């Protein structure tokens, strides 16, 4: 009998997902951010981990998920998606319909890359301004030694 082929050689593990979330929340508290909701998805768009801080609104779960899911679906951060769609509102509406509402084109959705650049998941954060959400997401990914995309937050993330 031939060996079973491996379908995915690099994967995002629960321990890593939890560490990303914990670091993002630590950064949020360090910078006096509003209560956050953080979700981590694997490369197939399936939820691995989720935490919602006390005081974070109930719809924040769906927003954080949509930021991460949209990033995976388009292969770029939710910031880039928003920038690209700014002049294409009809396409933005079509994407939202196609993704069944699991799509948000504002910062806070960050791709998670392995050392070789392979996308292995995404993190989505909602609760503060989108720029601050993105800052926490990038910091969480970096803390576990993985590669966030974008690699750095915008320079005025703390506005």
Foldseek 3Di string as FASTA:
>chain_A
DDDDDDPDDDADDLVLQVQLVVQLVVVCVVLVFFWKKKWKAWLVLHTSDIDGDPPADPCQVLQQSLQFSQCSVVVAGLQVVLVVCVVPVVVVVVVCVVVVNSHHNAAFKKFWAAPVRHGTIIMGMDGGHRLSNNQSNLRSNVVSPIAIHVNHGPPPSPD
